[in-house]
Amino acid sequence: NINPLDFSKVSPEKSYGLNGDVNYKTTIFDEVSFTINQ
């Protein structure tokens, strides 16, 4: 029960996107490797 696309009435979708991150790595107590990414 899906109708065919009517390309005279539907148009392409458009998007805008942003992203960012912070990455930190170190060694704790000279024994434990620790990495965090936000």
PDB file of all heavy atoms in Angstrom:
ATOM      1  N   ASN A   1       0.813  -1.218   0.000  1.00  0.00           N
ATOM      2  CA  ASN A   1       0.000   0.000   0.000  1.00  0.00           C
ATOM      3  C   ASN A   1       0.850   1.274   0.000  1.00  0.00           C
ATOM      4  O   ASN A   1       0.486   2.279   0.608  1.00  0.00           O
ATOM      5  CB  ASN A   1      -0.963   0.020   1.197  1.00  0.00           C
ATOM      6  CG  ASN A   1      -1.923  -1.147   1.191  1.00  0.00           C
ATOM      7  OD1 ASN A   1      -2.355  -1.603   0.134  1.00  0.00           O
ATOM      8  ND2 ASN A   1      -2.238  -1.664   2.377  1.00  0.00           N
ATOM      9  N   ILE A   2       1.975   1.239  -0.691  1.00  0.00           N
ATOM     10  CA  ILE A   2       2.848   2.405  -0.822  1.00  0.00           C
ATOM     11  C   ILE A   2       2.656   3.007  -2.218  1.00  0.00           C
ATOM     12  O   ILE A   2       2.750   2.299  -3.222  1.00  0.00           O
ATOM     13  CB  ILE A   2       4.332   2.027  -0.626  1.00  0.00           C
ATOM     14  CG1 ILE A   2       4.523   1.284   0.710  1.00  0.00           C
ATOM     15  CG2 ILE A   2       5.210   3.264  -0.696  1.00  0.00           C
ATOM     16  CD1 ILE A   2       4.180   2.087   1.930  1.00  0.00           C
ATOM     17  N   ASN A   3       2.382   4.303  -2.261  1.00  0.00           N
ATOM     18  CA  ASN A   3       2.230   4.977  -3.545  1.00  0.00           C
ATOM     19  C   ASN A   3       3.588   5.245  -4.180  1.00  0.00           C
ATOM     20  O   ASN A   3       4.583   5.462  -3.470  1.00  0.00           O
ATOM     21  CB  ASN A   3       1.489   6.301  -3.370  1.00  0.00           C
ATOM     22  CG  ASN A   3       0.005   6.103  -3.145  1.00  0.00           C
ATOM     23  OD1 ASN A   3      -0.506   4.982  -3.266  1.00  0.00           O
ATOM     24  ND2 ASN A   3      -0.695   7.181  -2.817  1.00  0.00           N
ATOM     25  N   PRO A   4       3.666   5.268  -5.521  1.00  0.00           N
ATOM     26  CA  PRO A   4       4.930   5.613  -6.190  1.00  0.00           C
ATOM     27  C   PRO A   4       5.356   7.043  -5.858  1.00  0.00           C
ATOM     28  O   PRO A   4       4.525   7.892  -5.492  1.00  0.00           O
ATOM     29  CB  PRO A   4       4.594   5.477  -7.676  1.00  0.00           C
ATOM     30  CG  PRO A   4       3.358   4.641  -7.735  1.00  0.00           C
ATOM     31  CD  PRO A   4       2.602   4.929  -6.480  1.00  0.00           C
ATOM     32  N   LEU A   5       6.641   7.310  -5.995  1.00  0.00           N
ATOM     33  CA  LEU A   5       7.153   8.660  -5.779  1.00  0.00           C
ATOM     34  C   LEU A   5       6.676   9.584  -6.890  1.00  0.00           C
ATOM     35  O   LEU A   5       6.762   9.244  -8.072  1.00  0.00           O
ATOM     36  CB  LEU A   5       8.681   8.652  -5.749  1.00  0.00           C
ATOM     37  CG  LEU A   5       9.353   8.027  -4.522  1.00  0.00           C
ATOM     38  CD1 LEU A   5      10.852   7.905  -4.754  1.00  0.00           C
ATOM     39  CD2 LEU A   5       9.080   8.861  -3.274  1.00  0.00           C
ATOM     40  N   ASP A   6       6.200  10.734  -6.509  1.00  0.00           N
ATOM     41  CA  ASP A   6       5.835  11.778  -7.466  1.00  0.00           C
ATOM     42  C   ASP A   6       6.944  12.826  -7.421  1.00  0.00           C
ATOM     43  O   ASP A   6       6.955  13.697  -6.547  1.00  0.00           O
ATOM     44  CB  ASP A   6       4.484  12.389  -7.094  1.00  0.00           C
ATOM     45  CG  ASP A   6       3.994  13.386  -8.139  1.00  0.00           C
ATOM     46  OD1 ASP A   6       4.803  13.782  -9.004  1.00  0.00           O
ATOM     47  OD2 ASP A   6       2.819  13.768  -8.070  1.00  0.00           O
ATOM     48  N   PHE A   7       7.894  12.728  -8.363  1.00  0.00           N
ATOM     49  CA  PHE A   7       9.075  13.587  -8.308  1.00  0.00           C
ATOM     50  C   PHE A   7       8.762  15.050  -8.606  1.00  0.00           C
ATOM     51  O   PHE A   7       9.608  15.912  -8.413  1.00  0.00           O
ATOM     52  CB  PHE A   7      10.147  13.070  -9.275  1.00  0.00           C
ATOM     53  CG  PHE A   7      10.828  11.825  -8.788  1.00  0.00           C
ATOM     54  CD1 PHE A   7      10.433  10.577  -9.236  1.00  0.00           C
ATOM     55  CD2 PHE A   7      11.845  11.904  -7.846  1.00  0.00           C
ATOM     56  CE1 PHE A   7      11.058   9.428  -8.775  1.00  0.00           C
ATOM     57  CE2 PHE A   7      12.472  10.760  -7.376  1.00  0.00           C
ATOM     58  CZ  PHE A   7      12.077   9.512  -7.840  1.00  0.00           C
ATOM     59  N   SER A   8       7.545  15.320  -9.066  1.00  0.00           N
ATOM     60  CA  SER A   8       7.149  16.718  -9.244  1.00  0.00           C
ATOM     61  C   SER A   8       6.733  17.353  -7.920  1.00  0.00           C
ATOM     62  O   SER A   8       6.636  18.578  -7.812  1.00  0.00           O
ATOM     63  CB  SER A   8       5.997  16.817 -10.246  1.00  0.00           C
ATOM     64  OG  SER A   8       4.820  16.189  -9.740  1.00  0.00           O
ATOM     65  N   LYS A   9       6.507  16.488  -6.892  1.00  0.00           N
ATOM     66  CA  LYS A   9       6.057  16.996  -5.596  1.00  0.00           C
ATOM     67  C   LYS A   9       7.069  16.787  -4.477  1.00  0.00           C
ATOM     68  O   LYS A   9       6.998  17.461  -3.448  1.00  0.00           O
ATOM     69  CB  LYS A   9       4.731  16.329  -5.217  1.00  0.00           C
ATOM     70  CG  LYS A   9       3.572  16.671  -6.153  1.00  0.00           C
ATOM     71  CD  LYS A   9       2.295  15.999  -5.687  1.00  0.00           C
ATOM     72  CE  LYS A   9       1.131  16.347  -6.605  1.00  0.00           C
ATOM     73  NZ  LYS A   9      -0.133  15.691  -6.176  1.00  0.00           N
ATOM     74  N   VAL A  10       7.980  15.821  -4.635  1.00  0.00           N
ATOM     75  CA  VAL A  10       8.983  15.577  -3.589  1.00  0.00           C
ATOM     76  C   VAL A  10      10.338  16.096  -4.053  1.00  0.00           C
ATOM     77  O   VAL A  10      10.647  16.087  -5.249  1.00  0.00           O
ATOM     78  CB  VAL A  10       9.085  14.076  -3.242  1.00  0.00           C
ATOM     79  CG1 VAL A  10       7.784  13.583  -2.667  1.00  0.00           C
ATOM     80  CG2 VAL A  10       9.488  13.248  -4.454  1.00  0.00           C
ATOM     81  N   SER A  11      11.107  16.560  -3.125  1.00  0.00           N
ATOM     82  CA  SER A  11      12.424  17.119  -3.440  1.00  0.00           C
ATOM     83  C   SER A  11      13.476  16.481  -2.542  1.00  0.00           C
ATOM     84  O   SER A  11      13.154  15.911  -1.489  1.00  0.00           O
ATOM     85  CB  SER A  11      12.422  18.636  -3.242  1.00  0.00           C
ATOM     86  OG  SER A  11      12.058  18.967  -1.910  1.00  0.00           O
ATOM     87  N   PRO A  12      14.750  16.551  -2.921  1.00  0.00           N
ATOM     88  CA  PRO A  12      15.813  15.965  -2.101  1.00  0.00           C
ATOM     89  C   PRO A  12      15.879  16.594  -0.708  1.00  0.00           C
ATOM     90  O   PRO A  12      15.555  17.769  -0.514  1.00  0.00           O
ATOM     91  CB  PRO A  12      17.085  16.265  -2.905  1.00  0.00           C
ATOM     92  CG  PRO A  12      16.611  16.453  -4.309  1.00  0.00           C
ATOM     93  CD  PRO A  12      15.260  17.085  -4.198  1.00  0.00           C
ATOM     94  N   GLU A  13      16.304  15.788   0.252  1.00  0.00           N
ATOM     95  CA  GLU A  13      16.504  16.269   1.615  1.00  0.00           C
ATOM     96  C   GLU A  13      17.886  16.910   1.731  1.00  0.00           C
ATOM     97  O   GLU A  13      18.845  16.440   1.138  1.00  0.00           O
ATOM     98  CB  GLU A  13      16.383  15.102   2.602  1.00  0.00           C
ATOM     99  CG  GLU A  13      15.067  14.348   2.489  1.00  0.00           C
ATOM    100  CD  GLU A  13      15.059  13.051   3.266  1.00  0.00           C
ATOM    101  OE1 GLU A  13      14.989  13.107   4.507  1.00  0.00           O
ATOM    102  OE2 GLU A  13      15.144  11.987   2.637  1.00  0.00           O
ATOM    103  N   LYS A  14      17.987  17.967   2.523  1.00  0.00           N
ATOM    104  CA  LYS A  14      19.259  18.668   2.711  1.00  0.00           C
ATOM    105  C   LYS A  14      19.604  18.708   4.194  1.00  0.00           C
ATOM    106  O   LYS A  14      18.713  18.821   5.045  1.00  0.00           O
ATOM    107  CB  LYS A  14      19.171  20.083   2.149  1.00  0.00           C
ATOM    108  CG  LYS A  14      18.906  20.141   0.649  1.00  0.00           C
ATOM    109  CD  LYS A  14      18.811  21.576   0.160  1.00  0.00           C
ATOM    110  CE  LYS A  14      18.499  21.626  -1.335  1.00  0.00           C
ATOM    111  NZ  LYS A  14      18.384  23.028  -1.819  1.00  0.00           N
ATOM    112  N   SER A  15      20.882  18.636   4.488  1.00  0.00           N
ATOM    113  CA  SER A  15      21.308  18.586   5.885  1.00  0.00           C
ATOM    114  C   SER A  15      22.471  19.531   6.151  1.00  0.00           C
ATOM    115  O   SER A  15      23.220  19.907   5.241  1.00  0.00           O
ATOM    116  CB  SER A  15      21.728  17.159   6.268  1.00  0.00           C
ATOM    117  OG  SER A  15      22.959  16.819   5.654  1.00  0.00           O
ATOM    118  N   TYR A  16      22.597  19.896   7.449  1.00  0.00           N
ATOM    119  CA  TYR A  16      23.712  20.702   7.940  1.00  0.00           C
ATOM    120  C   TYR A  16      24.199  20.019   9.213  1.00  0.00           C
ATOM    121  O   TYR A  16      23.394  19.680  10.083  1.00  0.00           O
ATOM    122  CB  TYR A  16      23.278  22.136   8.245  1.00  0.00           C
ATOM    123  CG  TYR A  16      22.498  22.794   7.128  1.00  0.00           C
ATOM    124  CD1 TYR A  16      21.114  22.604   7.009  1.00  0.00           C
ATOM    125  CD2 TYR A  16      23.137  23.579   6.182  1.00  0.00           C
ATOM    126  CE1 TYR A  16      20.393  23.193   5.980  1.00  0.00           C
ATOM    127  CE2 TYR A  16      22.424  24.176   5.154  1.00  0.00           C
ATOM    128  CZ  TYR A  16      21.058  23.981   5.062  1.00  0.00           C
ATOM    129  OH  TYR A  16      20.362  24.558   4.034  1.00  0.00           O
ATOM    130  N   GLY A  17      25.485  19.823   9.330  1.00  0.00           N
ATOM    131  CA  GLY A  17      25.996  19.109  10.497  1.00  0.00           C
ATOM    132  C   GLY A  17      27.273  19.698  11.051  1.00  0.00           C
ATOM    133  O   GLY A  17      28.112  20.236  10.302  1.00  0.00           O
ATOM    134  N   LEU A  18      27.432  19.621  12.379  1.00  0.00           N
ATOM    135  CA  LEU A  18      28.640  20.057  13.077  1.00  0.00           C
ATOM    136  C   LEU A  18      29.046  18.965  14.057  1.00  0.00           C
ATOM    137  O   LEU A  18      28.203  18.261  14.623  1.00  0.00           O
ATOM    138  CB  LEU A  18      28.397  21.361  13.848  1.00  0.00           C
ATOM    139  CG  LEU A  18      28.048  22.613  13.046  1.00  0.00           C
ATOM    140  CD1 LEU A  18      27.634  23.742  13.996  1.00  0.00           C
ATOM    141  CD2 LEU A  18      29.223  23.056  12.190  1.00  0.00           C
ATOM    142  N   ASN A  19      30.343  18.801  14.262  1.00  0.00           N
ATOM    143  CA  ASN A  19      30.819  17.880  15.295  1.00  0.00           C
ATOM    144  C   ASN A  19      32.190  18.325  15.775  1.00  0.00           C
ATOM    145  O   ASN A  19      32.933  19.016  15.058  1.00  0.00           O
ATOM    146  CB  ASN A  19      30.868  16.436  14.777  1.00  0.00           C
ATOM    147  CG  ASN A  19      31.783  16.279  13.587  1.00  0.00           C
ATOM    148  OD1 ASN A  19      33.006  16.291  13.717  1.00  0.00           O
ATOM    149  ND2 ASN A  19      31.201  16.146  12.396  1.00  0.00           N
ATOM    150  N   GLY A  20      32.511  17.943  16.984  1.00  0.00           N
ATOM    151  CA  GLY A  20      33.809  18.270  17.560  1.00  0.00           C
ATOM    152  C   GLY A  20      34.154  17.286  18.650  1.00  0.00           C
ATOM    153  O   GLY A  20      33.270  16.628  19.218  1.00  0.00           O
ATOM    154  N   ASP A  21      35.438  17.145  18.933  1.00  0.00           N
ATOM    155  CA  ASP A  21      35.826  16.222  19.997  1.00  0.00           C
ATOM    156  C   ASP A  21      37.122  16.667  20.655  1.00  0.00           C
ATOM    157  O   ASP A  21      37.868  17.497  20.127  1.00  0.00           O
ATOM    158  CB  ASP A  21      35.952  14.789  19.475  1.00  0.00           C
ATOM    159  CG  ASP A  21      37.254  14.526  18.729  1.00  0.00           C
ATOM    160  OD1 ASP A  21      37.867  15.492  18.246  1.00  0.00           O
ATOM    161  OD2 ASP A  21      37.659  13.359  18.632  1.00  0.00           O
ATOM    162  N   VAL A  22      37.349  16.122  21.842  1.00  0.00           N
ATOM    163  CA  VAL A  22      38.594  16.312  22.588  1.00  0.00           C
ATOM    164  C   VAL A  22      39.097  14.926  22.951  1.00  0.00           C
ATOM    165  O   VAL A  22      38.343  14.097  23.477  1.00  0.00           O
ATOM    166  CB  VAL A  22      38.377  17.162  23.853  1.00  0.00           C
ATOM    167  CG1 VAL A  22      39.684  17.284  24.631  1.00  0.00           C
ATOM    168  CG2 VAL A  22      37.840  18.541  23.497  1.00  0.00           C
ATOM    169  N   ASN A  23      40.371  14.662  22.669  1.00  0.00           N
ATOM    170  CA  ASN A  23      40.952  13.351  22.923  1.00  0.00           C
ATOM    171  C   ASN A  23      42.168  13.500  23.842  1.00  0.00           C
ATOM    172  O   ASN A  23      43.069  14.308  23.566  1.00  0.00           O
ATOM    173  CB  ASN A  23      41.377  12.701  21.600  1.00  0.00           C
ATOM    174  CG  ASN A  23      41.710  11.236  21.782  1.00  0.00           C
ATOM    175  OD1 ASN A  23      40.838  10.406  21.963  1.00  0.00           O
ATOM    176  ND2 ASN A  23      42.986  10.915  21.732  1.00  0.00           N
ATOM    177  N   TYR A  24      42.175  12.736  24.932  1.00  0.00           N
ATOM    178  CA  TYR A  24      43.273  12.825  25.905  1.00  0.00           C
ATOM    179  C   TYR A  24      43.760  11.427  26.246  1.00  0.00           C
ATOM    180  O   TYR A  24      42.964  10.506  26.460  1.00  0.00           O
ATOM    181  CB  TYR A  24      42.796  13.521  27.176  1.00  0.00           C
ATOM    182  CG  TYR A  24      43.849  13.616  28.263  1.00  0.00           C
ATOM    183  CD1 TYR A  24      44.933  14.486  28.144  1.00  0.00           C
ATOM    184  CD2 TYR A  24      43.766  12.823  29.403  1.00  0.00           C
ATOM    185  CE1 TYR A  24      45.904  14.575  29.132  1.00  0.00           C
ATOM    186  CE2 TYR A  24      44.723  12.903  30.404  1.00  0.00           C
ATOM    187  CZ  TYR A  24      45.792  13.781  30.263  1.00  0.00           C
ATOM    188  OH  TYR A  24      46.754  13.857  31.243  1.00  0.00           O
ATOM    189  N   LYS A  25      45.077  11.256  26.295  1.00  0.00           N
ATOM    190  CA  LYS A  25      45.652   9.969  26.661  1.00  0.00           C
ATOM    191  C   LYS A  25      46.843  10.184  27.587  1.00  0.00           C
ATOM    192  O   LYS A  25      47.604  11.143  27.440  1.00  0.00           O
ATOM    193  CB  LYS A  25      46.091   9.185  25.425  1.00  0.00           C
ATOM    194  CG  LYS A  25      47.158   9.873  24.587  1.00  0.00           C
ATOM    195  CD  LYS A  25      47.536   9.037  23.376  1.00  0.00           C
ATOM    196  CE  LYS A  25      48.658   9.712  22.568  1.00  0.00           C
ATOM    197  NZ  LYS A  25      49.044   8.909  21.401  1.00  0.00           N
ATOM    198  N   THR A  26      46.991   9.281  28.537  1.00  0.00           N
ATOM    199  CA  THR A  26      48.099   9.396  29.482  1.00  0.00           C
ATOM    200  C   THR A  26      48.330   8.039  30.137  1.00  0.00           C
ATOM    201  O   THR A  26      47.639   7.059  29.846  1.00  0.00           O
ATOM    202  CB  THR A  26      47.793  10.453  30.557  1.00  0.00           C
ATOM    203  OG1 THR A  26      48.960  10.696  31.341  1.00  0.00           O
ATOM    204  CG2 THR A  26      46.670   9.998  31.474  1.00  0.00           C
ATOM    205  N   THR A  27      49.303   7.984  31.030  1.00  0.00           N
ATOM    206  CA  THR A  27      49.573   6.799  31.840  1.00  0.00           C
ATOM    207  C   THR A  27      49.383   7.150  33.301  1.00  0.00           C
ATOM    208  O   THR A  27      49.941   8.147  33.781  1.00  0.00           O
ATOM    209  CB  THR A  27      51.004   6.281  31.613  1.00  0.00           C
ATOM    210  OG1 THR A  27      51.174   5.973  30.231  1.00  0.00           O
ATOM    211  CG2 THR A  27      51.260   5.031  32.426  1.00  0.00           C
ATOM    212  N   ILE A  28      48.576   6.361  34.003  1.00  0.00           N
ATOM    213  CA  ILE A  28      48.307   6.593  35.418  1.00  0.00           C
ATOM    214  C   ILE A  28      49.148   5.641  36.251  1.00  0.00           C
ATOM    215  O   ILE A  28      49.176   4.443  35.978  1.00  0.00           O
ATOM    216  CB  ILE A  28      46.803   6.386  35.713  1.00  0.00           C
ATOM    217  CG1 ILE A  28      45.951   7.263  34.798  1.00  0.00           C
ATOM    218  CG2 ILE A  28      46.494   6.695  37.169  1.00  0.00           C
ATOM    219  CD1 ILE A  28      44.460   6.990  34.926  1.00  0.00           C
ATOM    220  N   PHE A  29      49.824   6.167  37.237  1.00  0.00           N
ATOM    221  CA  PHE A  29      50.649   5.373  38.154  1.00  0.00           C
ATOM    222  C   PHE A  29      51.716   4.559  37.410  1.00  0.00           C
ATOM    223  O   PHE A  29      52.134   3.502  37.895  1.00  0.00           O
ATOM    224  CB  PHE A  29      49.780   4.421  38.996  1.00  0.00           C
ATOM    225  CG  PHE A  29      48.623   5.087  39.665  1.00  0.00           C
ATOM    226  CD1 PHE A  29      47.327   4.679  39.407  1.00  0.00           C
ATOM    227  CD2 PHE A  29      48.826   6.141  40.555  1.00  0.00           C
ATOM    228  CE1 PHE A  29      46.251   5.285  40.019  1.00  0.00           C
ATOM    229  CE2 PHE A  29      47.747   6.752  41.170  1.00  0.00           C
ATOM    230  CZ  PHE A  29      46.461   6.330  40.907  1.00  0.00           C
ATOM    231  N   ASP A  30      52.143   5.050  36.261  1.00  0.00           N
ATOM    232  CA  ASP A  30      53.158   4.370  35.450  1.00  0.00           C
ATOM    233  C   ASP A  30      52.755   2.948  35.077  1.00  0.00           C
ATOM    234  O   ASP A  30      53.577   2.141  34.658  1.00  0.00           O
ATOM    235  CB  ASP A  30      54.517   4.327  36.174  1.00  0.00           C
ATOM    236  CG  ASP A  30      55.125   5.708  36.316  1.00  0.00           C
ATOM    237  OD1 ASP A  30      54.939   6.528  35.396  1.00  0.00           O
ATOM    238  OD2 ASP A  30      55.765   5.953  37.348  1.00  0.00           O
ATOM    239  N   GLU A  31      51.488   2.607  35.218  1.00  0.00           N
ATOM    240  CA  GLU A  31      51.044   1.234  34.993  1.00  0.00           C
ATOM    241  C   GLU A  31      49.815   1.149  34.095  1.00  0.00           C
ATOM    242  O   GLU A  31      49.686   0.225  33.298  1.00  0.00           O
ATOM    243  CB  GLU A  31      50.714   0.560  36.341  1.00  0.00           C
ATOM    244  CG  GLU A  31      51.912   0.312  37.241  1.00  0.00           C
ATOM    245  CD  GLU A  31      52.707  -0.881  36.789  1.00  0.00           C
ATOM    246  OE1 GLU A  31      52.161  -1.734  36.085  1.00  0.00           O
ATOM    247  OE2 GLU A  31      53.894  -0.973  37.145  1.00  0.00           O
ATOM    248  N   VAL A  32      48.909   2.103  34.225  1.00  0.00           N
ATOM    249  CA  VAL A  32      47.604   2.029  33.575  1.00  0.00           C
ATOM    250  C   VAL A  32      47.530   3.040  32.435  1.00  0.00           C
ATOM    251  O   VAL A  32      47.715   4.240  32.646  1.00  0.00           O
ATOM    252  CB  VAL A  32      46.471   2.302  34.580  1.00  0.00           C
ATOM    253  CG1 VAL A  32      45.113   2.182  33.891  1.00  0.00           C
ATOM    254  CG2 VAL A  32      46.559   1.346  35.761  1.00  0.00           C
ATOM    255  N   SER A  33      47.292   2.554  31.221  1.00  0.00           N
ATOM    256  CA  SER A  33      47.074   3.464  30.106  1.00  0.00           C
ATOM    257  C   SER A  33      45.621   3.929  30.133  1.00  0.00           C
ATOM    258  O   SER A  33      44.703   3.136  30.338  1.00  0.00           O
ATOM    259  CB  SER A  33      47.389   2.779  28.777  1.00  0.00           C
ATOM    260  OG  SER A  33      46.488   1.726  28.522  1.00  0.00           O
ATOM    261  N   PHE A  34      45.421   5.217  29.935  1.00  0.00           N
ATOM    262  CA  PHE A  34      44.105   5.839  30.056  1.00  0.00           C
ATOM    263  C   PHE A  34      43.857   6.723  28.852  1.00  0.00           C
ATOM    264  O   PHE A  34      44.685   7.571  28.501  1.00  0.00           O
ATOM    265  CB  PHE A  34      44.029   6.659  31.344  1.00  0.00           C
ATOM    266  CG  PHE A  34      42.781   7.507  31.466  1.00  0.00           C
ATOM    267  CD1 PHE A  34      41.598   6.943  31.910  1.00  0.00           C
ATOM    268  CD2 PHE A  34      42.800   8.855  31.137  1.00  0.00           C
ATOM    269  CE1 PHE A  34      40.450   7.712  32.026  1.00  0.00           C
ATOM    270  CE2 PHE A  34      41.662   9.633  31.253  1.00  0.00           C
ATOM    271  CZ  PHE A  34      40.479   9.061  31.703  1.00  0.00           C
ATOM    272  N   THR A  35      42.711   6.512  28.186  1.00  0.00           N
ATOM    273  CA  THR A  35      42.323   7.325  27.035  1.00  0.00           C
ATOM    274  C   THR A  35      40.870   7.716  27.186  1.00  0.00           C
ATOM    275  O   THR A  35      40.029   6.886  27.534  1.00  0.00           O
ATOM    276  CB  THR A  35      42.495   6.548  25.717  1.00  0.00           C
ATOM    277  OG1 THR A  35      43.844   6.132  25.579  1.00  0.00           O
ATOM    278  CG2 THR A  35      42.145   7.431  24.520  1.00  0.00           C
ATOM    279  N   ILE A  36      40.577   8.996  26.928  1.00  0.00           N
ATOM    280  CA  ILE A  36      39.198   9.457  26.947  1.00  0.00           C
ATOM    281  C   ILE A  36      38.953  10.320  25.725  1.00  0.00           C
ATOM    282  O   ILE A  36      39.793  11.135  25.341  1.00  0.00           O
ATOM    283  CB  ILE A  36      38.864  10.233  28.244  1.00  0.00           C
ATOM    284  CG1 ILE A  36      37.379  10.650  28.231  1.00  0.00           C
ATOM    285  CG2 ILE A  36      39.786  11.425  28.444  1.00  0.00           C
ATOM    286  CD1 ILE A  36      36.893  11.203  29.556  1.00  0.00           C
ATOM    287  N   ASN A  37      37.811  10.094  25.093  1.00  0.00           N
ATOM    288  CA  ASN A  37      37.400  10.906  23.954  1.00  0.00           C
ATOM    289  C   ASN A  37      36.001  11.444  24.232  1.00  0.00           C
ATOM    290  O   ASN A  37      35.084  10.682  24.523  1.00  0.00           O
ATOM    291  CB  ASN A  37      37.400  10.091  22.661  1.00  0.00           C
ATOM    292  CG  ASN A  37      36.931  10.902  21.468  1.00  0.00           C
ATOM    293  OD1 ASN A  37      35.752  10.948  21.162  1.00  0.00           O
ATOM    294  ND2 ASN A  37      37.865  11.543  20.790  1.00  0.00           N
ATOM    295  N   GLN A  38      35.869  12.761  24.163  1.00  0.00           N
ATOM    296  CA  GLN A  38      34.584  13.413  24.364  1.00  0.00           C
ATOM    297  C   GLN A  38      34.169  14.074  23.060  1.00  0.00           C
ATOM    298  O   GLN A  38      34.851  14.963  22.556  1.00  0.00           O
ATOM    299  CB  GLN A  38      34.671  14.454  25.478  1.00  0.00           C
ATOM    300  CG  GLN A  38      33.361  15.152  25.780  1.00  0.00           C
ATOM    301  CD  GLN A  38      32.317  14.201  26.340  1.00  0.00           C
ATOM    302  OE1 GLN A  38      32.548  13.531  27.349  1.00  0.00           O
ATOM    303  NE2 GLN A  38      31.166  14.123  25.690  1.00  0.00           N
TER     304      GLN A  38
END
